[in-house]
Amino acid sequence: MARRCDICGKGTVTGNSVSHSHRKTRRVWKPNLHKIKRVVNGKVVHLNVCTKCLKKIDELMPLPK
């Protein structure tokens, strides 16, 4: 599974973790993704969606029956 939101494209971000003595080590921030099923054009589609888009998509797309 790619760590990318199917709606907005949010993905992993890399950077430095900085300690009190200002030493830097590499770290990764991962998006909070959820696997959901929604009906799109009469078909059930599986989506990987971040939580921000999940709030928006619940208003726009109905749940599958």
N, C-alpha and C. Protein backbone atom coordinates (compact mmCIF):
# COMPACT_ATOMS: atom_id res chain seq x y z
N MET A 1 0.84 -1.18 0.00
CA MET A 1 0.00 0.00 0.00
C MET A 1 0.88 1.24 0.00
N ALA A 2 0.66 2.10 -0.96
CA ALA A 2 1.39 3.36 -0.99
C ALA A 2 0.84 4.27 0.10
N ARG A 3 1.72 4.95 0.77
CA ARG A 3 1.28 5.85 1.84
C ARG A 3 0.93 7.21 1.24
N ARG A 4 -0.19 7.22 0.52
CA ARG A 4 -0.63 8.43 -0.13
C ARG A 4 -2.16 8.45 -0.14
N CYS A 5 -2.73 9.61 0.16
CA CYS A 5 -4.18 9.78 0.15
C CYS A 5 -4.66 9.80 -1.30
N ASP A 6 -5.72 9.02 -1.60
CA ASP A 6 -6.26 8.97 -2.95
C ASP A 6 -7.01 10.25 -3.33
N ILE A 7 -7.42 11.05 -2.36
CA ILE A 7 -8.18 12.26 -2.63
C ILE A 7 -7.26 13.47 -2.80
N CYS A 8 -6.48 13.79 -1.77
CA CYS A 8 -5.68 15.02 -1.79
C CYS A 8 -4.22 14.79 -2.14
N GLY A 9 -3.74 13.53 -2.10
CA GLY A 9 -2.36 13.25 -2.45
C GLY A 9 -1.37 13.44 -1.31
N LYS A 10 -1.88 13.60 -0.10
CA LYS A 10 -0.99 13.76 1.05
C LYS A 10 -0.16 12.50 1.24
N GLY A 11 1.15 12.63 1.46
CA GLY A 11 2.03 11.48 1.60
C GLY A 11 3.03 11.67 2.72
N THR A 12 4.06 10.81 2.74
CA THR A 12 5.07 10.89 3.78
C THR A 12 5.94 12.13 3.59
N VAL A 13 6.42 12.66 4.70
CA VAL A 13 7.29 13.83 4.69
C VAL A 13 8.51 13.48 5.53
N THR A 14 9.70 13.82 5.04
CA THR A 14 10.92 13.54 5.78
C THR A 14 11.53 14.83 6.28
N GLY A 15 12.34 14.69 7.33
CA GLY A 15 13.00 15.85 7.90
C GLY A 15 13.96 15.42 8.99
N ASN A 16 14.29 16.34 9.85
CA ASN A 16 15.23 16.07 10.92
C ASN A 16 14.53 16.12 12.27
N SER A 17 14.90 15.18 13.14
CA SER A 17 14.53 15.24 14.54
C SER A 17 15.69 15.94 15.25
N VAL A 18 15.42 17.04 15.92
CA VAL A 18 16.48 17.86 16.51
C VAL A 18 16.42 17.73 18.03
N SER A 19 17.51 17.28 18.64
CA SER A 19 17.57 17.11 20.09
C SER A 19 17.87 18.45 20.77
N HIS A 20 17.91 18.41 22.09
CA HIS A 20 18.20 19.62 22.86
C HIS A 20 19.60 20.15 22.56
N SER A 21 20.55 19.23 22.30
CA SER A 21 21.92 19.65 21.97
C SER A 21 22.07 19.98 20.49
N HIS A 22 20.97 19.99 19.78
CA HIS A 22 20.88 20.35 18.37
C HIS A 22 21.52 19.32 17.43
N ARG A 23 21.60 18.07 17.88
CA ARG A 23 22.00 16.97 16.99
C ARG A 23 20.81 16.63 16.12
N LYS A 24 21.08 16.31 14.87
CA LYS A 24 20.00 16.03 13.93
C LYS A 24 20.06 14.57 13.48
N THR A 25 18.91 13.90 13.54
CA THR A 25 18.76 12.56 12.99
C THR A 25 17.54 12.57 12.07
N ARG A 26 17.58 11.74 11.02
CA ARG A 26 16.49 11.71 10.06
C ARG A 26 15.26 11.05 10.65
N ARG A 27 14.09 11.55 10.27
CA ARG A 27 12.84 10.96 10.70
C ARG A 27 11.80 11.12 9.62
N VAL A 28 10.66 10.42 9.79
CA VAL A 28 9.60 10.41 8.79
C VAL A 28 8.27 10.68 9.47
N TRP A 29 7.46 11.55 8.88
CA TRP A 29 6.09 11.78 9.31
C TRP A 29 5.18 11.10 8.32
N LYS A 30 4.32 10.21 8.81
CA LYS A 30 3.41 9.46 7.93
C LYS A 30 1.98 9.98 8.10
N PRO A 31 1.22 10.02 7.00
CA PRO A 31 -0.16 10.49 7.10
C PRO A 31 -1.05 9.46 7.79
N ASN A 32 -2.11 9.93 8.40
CA ASN A 32 -3.07 9.06 9.09
C ASN A 32 -4.09 8.58 8.06
N LEU A 33 -3.82 7.42 7.43
CA LEU A 33 -4.66 6.90 6.36
C LEU A 33 -5.60 5.82 6.86
N HIS A 34 -6.78 5.77 6.23
CA HIS A 34 -7.78 4.75 6.53
C HIS A 34 -8.26 4.15 5.23
N LYS A 35 -8.47 2.82 5.22
CA LYS A 35 -9.05 2.16 4.05
C LYS A 35 -10.57 2.21 4.19
N ILE A 36 -11.24 2.75 3.18
CA ILE A 36 -12.69 2.86 3.21
C ILE A 36 -13.27 2.33 1.91
N LYS A 37 -14.57 2.02 1.93
CA LYS A 37 -15.31 1.64 0.73
C LYS A 37 -16.41 2.68 0.51
N ARG A 38 -16.53 3.14 -0.73
CA ARG A 38 -17.58 4.09 -1.08
C ARG A 38 -18.15 3.74 -2.44
N VAL A 39 -19.37 4.17 -2.71
CA VAL A 39 -20.01 3.95 -4.00
C VAL A 39 -19.70 5.13 -4.90
N VAL A 40 -19.06 4.85 -6.06
CA VAL A 40 -18.74 5.89 -7.04
C VAL A 40 -19.27 5.41 -8.39
N ASN A 41 -20.19 6.15 -8.98
CA ASN A 41 -20.81 5.79 -10.27
C ASN A 41 -21.41 4.39 -10.24
N GLY A 42 -22.04 4.01 -9.13
CA GLY A 42 -22.71 2.72 -9.02
C GLY A 42 -21.81 1.56 -8.69
N LYS A 43 -20.52 1.77 -8.51
CA LYS A 43 -19.59 0.70 -8.19
C LYS A 43 -18.95 0.96 -6.83
N VAL A 44 -18.66 -0.12 -6.09
CA VAL A 44 -17.99 0.01 -4.80
C VAL A 44 -16.49 0.15 -5.07
N VAL A 45 -15.90 1.20 -4.52
CA VAL A 45 -14.49 1.51 -4.73
C VAL A 45 -13.78 1.53 -3.38
N HIS A 46 -12.59 0.91 -3.31
CA HIS A 46 -11.76 0.94 -2.11
C HIS A 46 -10.82 2.13 -2.21
N LEU A 47 -10.76 2.95 -1.17
CA LEU A 47 -9.94 4.16 -1.16
C LEU A 47 -9.05 4.19 0.08
N ASN A 48 -7.85 4.73 -0.07
CA ASN A 48 -6.99 5.06 1.06
C ASN A 48 -7.11 6.56 1.27
N VAL A 49 -7.69 6.96 2.39
CA VAL A 49 -8.05 8.36 2.61
C VAL A 49 -7.48 8.84 3.93
N CYS A 50 -6.93 10.07 3.94
CA CYS A 50 -6.47 10.67 5.19
C CYS A 50 -7.68 11.12 6.00
N THR A 51 -7.49 11.36 7.28
CA THR A 51 -8.61 11.68 8.16
C THR A 51 -9.26 13.01 7.81
N LYS A 52 -8.48 13.95 7.29
CA LYS A 52 -9.04 15.24 6.90
C LYS A 52 -10.03 15.07 5.75
N CYS A 53 -9.66 14.25 4.77
CA CYS A 53 -10.54 13.99 3.63
C CYS A 53 -11.70 13.08 4.03
N LEU A 54 -11.51 12.24 5.03
CA LEU A 54 -12.56 11.34 5.48
C LEU A 54 -13.75 12.12 6.01
N LYS A 55 -13.49 13.21 6.70
CA LYS A 55 -14.58 14.07 7.18
C LYS A 55 -15.36 14.66 6.03
N LYS A 56 -14.65 15.11 4.99
CA LYS A 56 -15.29 15.73 3.84
C LYS A 56 -16.04 14.72 3.00
N ILE A 57 -15.48 13.52 2.83
CA ILE A 57 -16.06 12.52 1.93
C ILE A 57 -17.33 11.92 2.51
N ASP A 58 -17.46 11.89 3.84
CA ASP A 58 -18.68 11.35 4.44
C ASP A 58 -19.90 12.20 4.07
N GLU A 59 -19.69 13.49 3.84
CA GLU A 59 -20.79 14.37 3.44
C GLU A 59 -21.14 14.20 1.97
N LEU A 60 -20.14 13.88 1.12
CA LEU A 60 -20.35 13.87 -0.32
C LEU A 60 -20.76 12.51 -0.89
N MET A 61 -20.17 11.41 -0.38
CA MET A 61 -20.41 10.09 -0.94
C MET A 61 -21.19 9.22 0.05
N PRO A 62 -22.19 8.48 -0.43
CA PRO A 62 -22.94 7.61 0.48
C PRO A 62 -22.18 6.35 0.82
N LEU A 63 -22.58 5.70 1.89
CA LEU A 63 -22.01 4.42 2.27
C LEU A 63 -22.56 3.31 1.38
N PRO A 64 -21.76 2.25 1.08
CA PRO A 64 -22.28 1.15 0.26
C PRO A 64 -23.33 0.35 1.02
N LYS A 65 -24.29 -0.22 0.27
CA LYS A 65 -25.36 -1.02 0.89
C LYS A 65 -25.08 -2.48 0.74
